[in-house]
């Protein structure tokens, strides 16, 4: 049912999925950035997800094979995703895509890339406005690794709390020598903690998400040497949740998926609140039994999960409602 085409734009592989039947009108255009902590994952691994969206939303889906760290150094991944986005937005006519119906989406770190790209595009006045961002269990901040979801799901497969920090180091091409200190939030200067606690804090997380074994963290001492090693964690590219209100209030309508058994659950909840506080319309889907990375199993028969199918159907219904 689909035409699938591979091409390269500025050395970045793209795979474009479009329905075979001739378009009766303009289609939606969807950019998809896959997950994998910026260090693994591929277009092929998310083929089933992209095919499902293209077929069920009668849309053109562009899956972006951004180059992986550490071989392709950070922040190259953002530039790759931006190149792909600019190419697509400048060639909508060729794909019969309605410029008023562009959706930028991704899962996990791909949702981080989607968030950052939507923020960057606000300054590109010569391009169509993004209609919506679709963020599936996004990772959006490197400020606090003691949020309730980090504690509750520290040992839940497939993304352990310690593994998150390890992947951060690998992605940024740093030696994980200060990993334990980062786990304890010793990389944050006190001034920064105070500045951002209105946006990143367990106090903002609704109480119903704290009932499952959450203990407020005792204050830990800041270590300047740790901050120096890993300060990129606090850059807006890595932590788009820390963007100023003047940026957040301009963002497009958003769809956010969170999973209960996911260390990154609270990143999604905090971003949802930030967007809503800034007048951005948010549709939220919470998977009560979902876990981080569940969509990597989508479409694999007996290896797939009903919760993953429900997430995909919720995404399709949302995109079709635009």
Foldseek 3Di string as FASTA:
>chain_A
DWDWDWDDFPNKIKIKIADPPDDPAAFAEEEEEEDDLQADDACVLQVVLQNLLCVLRNHIYIYIGFDGPPVQAPPSSLVSSLRVVVVCQVCSVVVSHDLLRYEYEYEEVRLLSSLVSLLVCVPVPVTRHYAEYEYELYAAALQDCQALLLVLQQPPPPQHSLNSLVSLCRNNVADCPCSVVSNLRQLDDPVRCVVCCVQDHNVPDDPVLNPRDHDDRDDDHHDPVSNVRRVVRHDCSNHVSPDDLVSLLPGHAYEYEAESNESSRVVRVSSVVSNVVSVHHYHYHYQDHDYGPLSSQPPVPPSHDPSNVVVSVVVSVVSNVD
